[in-house]
Protein backbone atom coordinates (compact mmCIF):
# COMPACT_ATOMS: atom_id res chain seq x y z
CA MET A 1 16.32 1.07 48.61
CA ARG A 2 17.91 2.14 44.96
CA ILE A 3 20.60 5.13 45.98
CA ASP A 4 22.70 6.44 43.57
CA LEU A 5 25.50 8.49 45.07
CA LEU A 6 27.02 11.27 42.18
CA HIS A 7 30.18 12.94 42.50
CA TYR A 8 32.89 14.26 40.01
CA SER A 9 35.04 11.27 40.50
CA SER A 10 34.59 8.19 42.26
CA PRO A 11 37.81 5.51 43.72
CA PRO A 12 40.18 4.69 42.86
CA VAL A 13 41.06 8.14 42.37
CA VAL A 14 42.54 9.40 45.68
CA GLY A 15 40.67 12.08 47.85
CA GLY A 16 38.69 13.03 50.66
CA VAL A 17 34.94 12.99 48.80
CA GLU A 18 36.00 9.50 47.06
CA SER A 19 36.83 7.99 50.24
CA VAL A 20 33.80 9.07 51.99
CA LEU A 21 31.89 8.00 48.69
CA ALA A 22 33.52 4.47 49.19
CA HIS A 23 32.52 3.48 52.67
CA HIS A 24 29.35 5.36 52.10
CA ALA A 25 28.55 2.87 49.19
CA ARG A 26 29.89 0.07 50.80
CA LEU A 27 28.06 0.33 54.05
CA MET A 28 24.63 0.87 52.06
CA ALA A 29 25.31 -1.54 50.31
CA ASP A 30 26.02 -3.67 53.56
CA ALA A 31 22.63 -2.98 54.34
CA GLY A 32 20.86 -4.36 51.47
CA ASN A 33 20.25 -1.05 49.45
CA VAL A 34 21.37 -1.49 45.68
CA VAL A 35 23.90 1.44 45.09
CA ARG A 36 25.36 2.52 42.33
CA LEU A 37 28.15 5.53 41.73
CA LEU A 38 28.01 7.53 38.68
CA ALA A 39 30.97 10.16 38.14
CA GLY A 40 33.05 11.63 35.49
CA ARG A 41 35.86 9.52 36.90
CA GLY A 42 36.61 6.14 38.56
CA GLU A 43 36.05 2.45 38.38
CA ALA A 44 34.11 0.18 39.62
CA PHE A 45 35.97 -1.36 43.14
CA ASP A 46 33.15 -3.53 44.43
CA ASP A 47 31.28 -6.22 42.51
CA ARG A 48 28.11 -4.80 44.63
CA ILE A 49 28.31 -1.18 43.48
CA PRO A 50 28.15 -0.48 39.87
CA PHE A 51 30.36 2.57 38.46
CA VAL A 52 28.39 4.53 36.07
CA HIS A 53 30.41 6.82 34.16
CA VAL A 54 29.07 10.21 33.27
CA PRO A 55 31.40 11.88 30.90
CA LEU A 56 30.36 15.36 31.80
CA ALA A 57 30.23 14.78 35.56
CA ASP A 58 33.85 15.12 35.38
CA SER A 59 35.34 18.20 36.93
CA ARG A 60 38.45 18.17 34.59
CA HIS A 61 36.68 17.47 31.16
CA PRO A 62 37.77 19.74 28.60
CA ASP A 63 34.49 21.11 27.80
CA ILE A 64 34.27 21.61 31.32
CA LEU A 65 36.91 23.58 31.93
CA ALA A 66 36.73 25.60 28.91
CA VAL A 67 33.08 26.96 29.85
CA LYS A 68 34.70 27.15 33.94
CA ALA A 69 37.09 29.53 32.82
CA GLU A 70 34.88 31.33 31.47
CA LEU A 71 32.33 31.80 34.25
CA ASP A 72 35.07 32.05 36.51
CA GLN A 73 35.54 35.48 34.70
CA GLY A 74 31.59 35.77 35.16
CA HIS A 75 30.94 35.18 31.01
CA ILE A 76 27.80 32.73 31.00
CA PRO A 77 29.60 30.78 27.72
CA ALA A 78 27.20 29.31 24.75
CA ALA A 79 28.35 26.09 25.70
CA PHE A 80 27.05 26.00 29.10
CA GLU A 81 23.08 25.48 28.36
CA ALA A 82 23.92 22.81 25.57
CA LEU A 83 25.96 20.97 28.56
CA THR A 84 23.85 21.45 31.15
CA SER A 85 20.77 19.78 28.51
CA ARG A 86 23.39 16.94 28.11
CA ILE A 87 23.85 16.26 31.12
CA PHE A 88 20.64 16.39 32.47
CA ALA A 89 19.69 13.93 29.93
CA GLN A 90 21.79 11.38 30.80
CA LEU A 91 20.65 11.83 34.33
CA LEU A 92 17.36 12.04 33.71
CA GLU A 93 17.43 8.56 32.19
CA LEU A 94 20.05 7.19 34.77
CA THR A 95 17.92 8.08 37.53
CA ALA A 96 14.16 7.08 36.19
CA THR A 97 13.70 4.14 38.82
CA THR A 98 16.07 5.86 41.91
CA ASP A 99 14.96 6.05 44.89
CA VAL A 100 17.99 8.45 46.11
CA LEU A 101 20.04 10.10 44.71
CA ILE A 102 22.53 11.70 47.09
CA ALA A 103 25.28 14.46 45.20
CA HIS A 104 28.44 14.95 47.21
CA ASN A 105 29.83 18.59 46.56
CA VAL A 106 27.99 19.16 43.30
CA CYS A 107 26.04 22.14 44.68
CA SER A 108 28.88 23.06 47.30
CA LEU A 109 31.60 24.16 45.37
CA ASN A 110 31.83 25.80 41.18
CA LYS A 111 33.89 22.64 39.76
CA ASN A 112 31.26 21.90 37.29
CA LEU A 113 27.84 24.64 37.49
CA PRO A 114 26.72 22.80 34.21
CA LEU A 115 26.09 19.69 36.73
CA THR A 116 24.80 21.97 39.21
CA ALA A 117 22.43 23.59 37.25
CA ALA A 118 21.74 19.68 35.44
CA LEU A 119 21.29 18.27 38.86
CA HIS A 120 18.52 21.64 39.77
CA ARG A 121 16.66 20.90 36.11
CA LEU A 122 16.56 17.37 37.58
CA TYR A 123 15.28 18.39 40.84
CA GLN A 124 12.64 20.61 39.25
CA GLU A 125 11.20 17.86 36.69
CA ARG A 126 11.28 15.02 38.82
CA PRO A 127 9.40 16.44 41.86
CA GLY A 128 9.36 12.34 43.71
CA LEU A 129 13.00 11.80 43.12
CA HIS A 130 14.79 12.54 46.76
CA LEU A 131 17.53 14.29 46.67
CA VAL A 132 20.11 14.96 49.38
CA LEU A 133 23.08 17.42 49.25
CA TRP A 134 26.09 16.48 50.57
CA HIS A 135 28.05 19.59 51.46
CA HIS A 136 31.81 18.86 52.60
CA ASP A 137 32.75 22.41 50.94
CA LEU A 138 31.75 25.62 50.71
CA ALA A 139 32.30 27.78 47.53
CA TRP A 140 30.47 30.97 49.18
CA THR A 141 32.47 30.57 52.42
CA THR A 142 35.75 29.95 50.72
CA PRO A 143 38.10 32.85 50.21
CA ARG A 144 40.19 31.26 47.80
CA TYR A 145 37.23 30.65 45.65
CA ARG A 146 35.62 34.02 45.95
CA SER A 147 37.21 35.45 42.73
CA GLU A 148 35.18 32.94 40.81
CA LEU A 149 32.01 33.84 41.82
CA HIS A 150 29.70 36.53 40.84
CA GLU A 151 25.92 37.44 41.38
CA GLY A 152 23.17 35.42 39.67
CA TYR A 153 22.85 32.57 38.05
CA PRO A 154 23.93 29.99 37.90
CA TRP A 155 26.34 30.89 40.61
CA ASP A 156 23.83 31.23 43.07
CA LEU A 157 22.76 27.67 42.84
CA LEU A 158 25.50 27.16 45.04
CA ARG A 159 23.94 29.56 47.48
CA SER A 160 20.15 29.38 47.14
CA ASP A 161 17.81 26.81 49.03
CA TRP A 162 16.73 23.62 47.36
CA PRO A 163 13.49 23.07 49.82
CA ARG A 164 12.62 19.94 48.73
CA ALA A 165 15.77 18.75 48.81
CA THR A 166 17.45 17.12 52.35
CA GLN A 167 20.56 19.35 53.10
CA VAL A 168 23.26 17.88 54.73
CA VAL A 169 26.82 18.58 56.03
CA VAL A 170 29.87 17.07 57.73
CA SER A 171 30.49 19.51 60.78
CA ALA A 172 28.15 21.23 63.07
CA LEU A 173 30.72 24.79 61.74
CA ARG A 174 29.79 23.64 58.10
CA ARG A 175 26.07 23.53 59.45
CA GLN A 176 26.24 27.29 60.80
CA GLU A 177 28.06 28.03 57.36
CA LEU A 178 25.78 26.83 55.40
CA CYS A 179 22.57 28.08 57.41
CA ALA A 180 24.15 31.83 56.51
CA LEU A 181 24.47 31.30 53.32
CA LEU A 182 20.85 29.77 52.35
CA GLY A 183 19.43 32.01 55.26
CA VAL A 184 17.14 28.69 56.73
CA PRO A 185 17.53 27.34 60.58
CA LEU A 186 19.92 24.69 62.10
CA ASP A 187 17.37 22.08 61.85
CA ARG A 188 17.00 22.50 58.23
CA VAL A 189 20.63 20.76 57.97
CA ARG A 190 21.27 17.69 59.02
CA VAL A 191 25.46 17.14 60.32
CA VAL A 192 26.49 13.63 59.37
CA PRO A 193 30.69 13.86 60.33
CA ASN A 194 33.33 11.43 58.07
CA GLY A 195 34.83 8.36 59.52
CA LEU A 196 37.53 6.73 60.15
CA ASP A 197 38.21 3.15 58.84
CA LEU A 198 39.53 1.55 62.09
CA GLN A 199 40.51 -1.29 60.59
CA ARG A 200 42.65 0.05 57.21
CA PHE A 201 44.28 2.22 59.78
CA LEU A 202 45.09 0.01 62.18
CA LYS A 203 46.00 -2.18 59.33
CA LEU A 204 44.17 -5.39 61.82
CA ASP A 205 43.21 -8.52 60.92
CA GLU A 206 39.71 -9.87 59.73
CA HIS A 207 40.30 -12.49 63.32
CA THR A 208 40.88 -9.79 65.16
CA MET A 209 38.14 -7.94 64.00
CA GLY A 210 35.77 -10.90 64.21
CA LEU A 211 36.41 -10.57 68.19
CA VAL A 212 36.45 -6.65 68.16
CA ALA A 213 32.91 -7.49 66.75
CA ARG A 214 31.92 -10.24 69.01
CA LEU A 215 33.06 -8.87 72.34
CA ASP A 216 32.12 -5.20 71.24
CA LEU A 217 35.54 -3.65 71.79
CA LEU A 218 35.53 -0.61 70.24
CA SER A 219 33.13 0.47 73.13
CA ALA A 220 35.55 0.06 75.86
CA ALA A 221 36.69 3.35 77.43
CA PRO A 222 39.65 2.36 78.07
CA LEU A 223 41.04 -1.20 76.82
CA LEU A 224 43.51 -2.70 78.67
CA LEU A 225 45.43 -5.85 77.20
CA LEU A 226 47.40 -8.12 79.17
CA PRO A 227 49.20 -10.91 76.90
CA VAL A 228 49.79 -13.36 78.99
CA ARG A 229 49.40 -17.56 79.66
CA ILE A 230 46.41 -18.69 81.71
CA THR A 231 48.73 -19.43 84.90
CA PRO A 232 49.19 -18.56 88.74
CA ARG A 233 52.14 -16.57 88.40
CA LYS A 234 50.75 -14.08 85.77
CA ASN A 235 48.22 -12.86 89.00
CA ILE A 236 45.50 -12.50 86.65
CA GLU A 237 43.34 -12.02 89.35
CA LEU A 238 45.36 -8.64 90.48
CA ALA A 239 44.05 -7.21 86.69
CA PHE A 240 40.24 -8.16 87.72
CA TYR A 241 40.43 -6.48 90.77
CA VAL A 242 41.70 -3.30 89.32
CA LEU A 243 39.22 -3.29 86.47
CA ALA A 244 36.34 -4.06 89.03
CA GLU A 245 37.80 -0.45 90.51
CA LEU A 246 38.19 1.48 87.41
CA ARG A 247 34.53 0.62 86.26
CA LEU A 248 33.75 2.52 89.23
CA ARG A 249 34.67 5.77 87.49
CA PHE A 250 34.84 4.39 83.88
CA PRO A 251 31.88 2.17 83.29
CA GLN A 252 33.28 1.27 80.24
CA ALA A 253 36.50 -0.35 81.32
CA SER A 254 37.16 -3.70 79.62
CA LEU A 255 40.46 -6.15 79.91
CA VAL A 256 41.55 -8.76 77.07
CA VAL A 257 43.71 -11.39 78.48
CA THR A 258 44.63 -13.01 74.98
CA GLY A 259 46.55 -16.21 76.52
CA PRO A 260 45.68 -20.30 76.28
CA LEU A 261 46.07 -21.77 79.44
CA GLY A 262 49.96 -23.00 80.02
CA PRO A 263 50.78 -25.88 78.90
CA HIS A 264 52.99 -27.08 81.18
CA ASN A 265 50.72 -27.46 84.78
CA PRO A 266 47.71 -29.03 84.87
CA ALA A 267 46.83 -26.89 88.09
CA ASN A 268 46.32 -24.18 85.29
CA VAL A 269 42.70 -25.74 84.69
CA ASN A 270 41.94 -24.84 88.44
CA TYR A 271 43.21 -21.39 87.97
CA PHE A 272 40.72 -20.81 84.59
CA GLU A 273 38.28 -22.28 86.84
CA LYS A 274 38.63 -19.82 89.43
CA LEU A 275 39.26 -16.63 87.32
CA LEU A 276 35.56 -17.55 85.60
CA LEU A 277 34.40 -17.75 89.02
CA LEU A 278 35.94 -14.34 90.13
CA ARG A 279 35.22 -12.98 87.17
CA LYS A 280 31.37 -13.46 87.82
CA GLU A 281 31.81 -12.27 91.71
CA LEU A 282 32.79 -8.95 90.82
CA GLY A 283 30.29 -8.80 87.61
CA LEU A 284 32.73 -8.44 84.74
CA GLY A 285 31.38 -11.28 83.30
CA ALA A 286 30.84 -8.29 80.05
CA SER A 287 34.24 -6.65 80.51
CA ALA A 288 36.63 -9.40 81.62
CA HIS A 289 37.72 -11.28 78.30
CA LEU A 290 39.43 -14.10 78.67
CA LEU A 291 40.19 -15.33 75.30
CA ALA A 292 41.16 -18.63 75.84
CA GLU A 293 37.50 -19.30 76.04
CA LEU A 294 36.91 -18.69 72.63
CA SER A 295 39.93 -20.93 71.31
CA PRO A 296 42.26 -23.22 73.34
CA GLU A 297 44.86 -22.57 70.76
CA PHE A 298 47.36 -19.27 70.35
CA LEU A 299 46.27 -16.21 68.81
CA PRO A 300 48.25 -15.72 65.51
CA ASP A 301 51.12 -13.28 66.23
CA SER A 302 49.12 -10.98 64.05
CA VAL A 303 46.32 -10.34 65.73
CA ILE A 304 48.20 -10.24 69.20
CA ALA A 305 49.71 -7.32 67.45
CA ASP A 306 46.58 -5.67 66.17
CA PHE A 307 45.47 -5.69 70.26
CA TYR A 308 48.60 -3.38 71.01
CA ARG A 309 47.54 -1.31 68.23
CA LEU A 310 43.85 -1.39 69.26
CA ALA A 311 44.33 -1.60 73.25
CA ASP A 312 44.65 1.73 75.78
CA ALA A 313 47.12 0.50 77.60
CA LEU A 314 49.40 -2.53 78.96
CA ILE A 315 48.99 -3.80 82.28
CA LEU A 316 51.33 -6.69 83.37
CA PRO A 317 51.10 -7.69 87.16
CA SER A 318 52.97 -10.45 87.05
CA ARG A 319 54.80 -11.85 90.74
CA GLU A 320 57.47 -13.35 88.86
CA GLU A 321 59.03 -12.99 85.42
CA GLY A 322 62.38 -14.03 83.74
CA PHE A 323 62.34 -11.15 80.92
CA GLY A 324 58.82 -8.98 80.09
CA ILE A 325 58.35 -9.59 75.93
CA PRO A 326 54.93 -7.31 76.61
CA ILE A 327 57.51 -4.83 77.90
CA LEU A 328 58.91 -4.64 74.30
CA GLU A 329 56.14 -4.72 72.22
CA ALA A 330 54.27 -2.18 74.18
CA ALA A 331 57.22 -0.08 74.06
CA VAL A 332 57.35 -0.24 70.32
CA ALA A 333 53.57 -0.21 70.18
CA GLY A 334 53.74 3.80 72.20
CA MET A 335 51.66 2.33 74.94
CA PRO A 336 51.51 3.09 78.25
CA ILE A 337 52.78 0.55 80.79
CA PHE A 338 51.24 -0.14 84.17
CA CYS A 339 53.09 -3.19 85.22
CA ALA A 340 54.23 -5.23 88.65
CA ASP A 341 57.26 -3.45 90.09
CA ILE A 342 59.37 -6.59 90.20
CA ALA A 343 63.13 -7.09 88.76
CA SER A 344 62.73 -8.06 85.59
CA LEU A 345 60.14 -5.28 84.49
CA ARG A 346 61.88 -2.65 85.68
CA GLU A 347 65.25 -3.85 84.04
CA LEU A 348 63.54 -3.36 80.48
CA ALA A 349 61.10 -0.62 80.97
CA GLU A 350 63.58 1.39 83.51
CA GLU A 351 61.76 4.76 84.65
CA GLN A 352 59.24 4.99 81.30
CA ALA A 353 56.37 2.55 82.98
CA THR A 354 54.23 3.02 85.73
CA TYR A 355 55.15 0.74 88.62
CA PHE A 356 52.69 -1.02 91.09
CA ASN A 357 53.52 -3.22 93.95
CA PRO A 358 51.85 -6.80 92.96
CA ASP A 359 50.52 -6.80 97.14
CA ALA A 360 49.14 -3.31 96.48
CA THR A 361 45.39 -3.12 96.84
CA PRO A 362 43.37 -2.65 93.55
CA ALA A 363 42.06 0.96 94.76
CA GLU A 364 45.90 2.31 94.84
CA ILE A 365 46.64 0.83 91.79
CA ALA A 366 43.04 2.33 89.77
CA SER A 367 44.35 5.59 91.74
CA ALA A 368 47.52 5.65 89.27
CA MET A 369 45.91 5.26 86.63
CA ASN A 370 42.88 7.23 86.64
CA ARG A 371 45.81 9.93 86.41
CA TRP A 372 46.62 8.57 83.01
CA LEU A 373 43.07 8.38 82.48
CA SER A 374 42.73 11.58 82.63
CA SER A 375 45.33 12.58 79.92
CA PRO A 376 43.44 14.78 76.74
CA VAL A 377 45.21 12.21 74.65
CA TYR A 378 43.75 8.97 75.98
CA GLU A 379 40.28 10.98 75.75
CA LEU A 380 41.13 12.07 72.11
CA ARG A 381 41.89 8.21 71.31
CA VAL A 382 39.18 7.05 73.00
CA ARG A 383 36.38 9.42 71.35
CA VAL A 384 37.46 9.01 68.24
CA ARG A 385 38.02 5.16 68.24
CA ARG A 386 34.22 5.57 70.12
CA ASP A 387 32.60 7.95 67.84
CA TYR A 388 34.16 8.00 64.82
CA SER A 389 34.01 4.04 63.43
CA TRP A 390 32.48 4.29 60.05
CA PRO A 391 30.16 1.37 61.20
CA ARG A 392 28.36 3.80 64.40
CA LEU A 393 28.32 6.41 62.10
CA TYR A 394 26.39 4.59 59.72
CA ARG A 395 24.24 3.31 62.15
CA GLN A 396 23.70 7.04 64.15
CA HIS A 397 23.44 9.16 60.98
CA ILE A 398 22.90 7.70 57.46
CA GLU A 399 20.56 5.14 58.18
CA PRO A 400 18.10 6.95 59.99
CA LEU A 401 18.58 9.47 57.19
CA LEU A 402 17.76 6.67 54.65
CA ALA A 403 15.05 5.34 56.38
CA ILE A 404 12.99 8.86 56.98
CA LEU A 405 13.52 9.26 53.41
CA GLU A 406 11.85 5.54 52.32
CA ARG A 407 8.97 7.49 54.00
């Protein structure tokens, strides 16, 4: 599918809509679409996605600013129609083979009404073009814009339904506002939320992202971290039993054990095999992840640090520790700590961890963790990670929308 994204500006111009444009464009290109960015300012940021300069689409173009100053006073200057015609001519030529044109905020705000009017003319003259009006902000429902808006054309283009166009907003609130403004039912408008680039925000290594994708860790709720070698004194089997208990209430709970086998004791191989057997017996094959299965080597420090940012809590059930570096790392990462009540760990965490007897029942330990798992901070963290990553939003919302338009 040939898709054009239209806005006043595009990256590297910094802004919320510009960021959304970049993510949408990349995801659409990843899915095999031919994607272009049409904007008044910006430049190419991805070899697959051409930037097409439409000078008069820029909300800060001198000619557009001069016309806007008159429009804000309720006057339609003589230059308005001439600018509209110039923009229309360029859009008509550019979109001759376009299947879908997605305009972000162009029909929501009065930043460039000649562009809005040109797009409306294109909509009228090219009925075969699938037009998507994507609204982040609405001038007519925002008090700070009210003095700049007036009755009639062209301001009414921002509050009129374009029947063949697909209307998209970024939140349920915006849908309520837009439907009231246009006088249309709620099902006339689709809600597609904005998302979060988890890799960039959490500064996750490509290696880490490969593991995240392979193990589906973004779906984990909670994701527990056990950053230790595979050796009996780490008491990893207790973490397995606790995970099994947690999954009775939190069926998406998962555990990541990051370390390789301990290098100095041949018995560690037998211990590893016992853990694999226990995991199978407990039905944890898809939720208790031993990264030693994927690589016999230590993971790079950068990847371990990534897991501290990604995971929800540290669990450390060791029966014996001389020190306890994971306590320090979890503390710096701001991560809740659940650990065995042994002297070396208590010396480090003092009263800032939740302790359990390494001989306690898994149900007792899980119960202590359940109290934390009921906290609003945890629940919001998991919901955002699960529901607001860009790839998930694309699969759930944007891909189905494009599929409908392609029919």
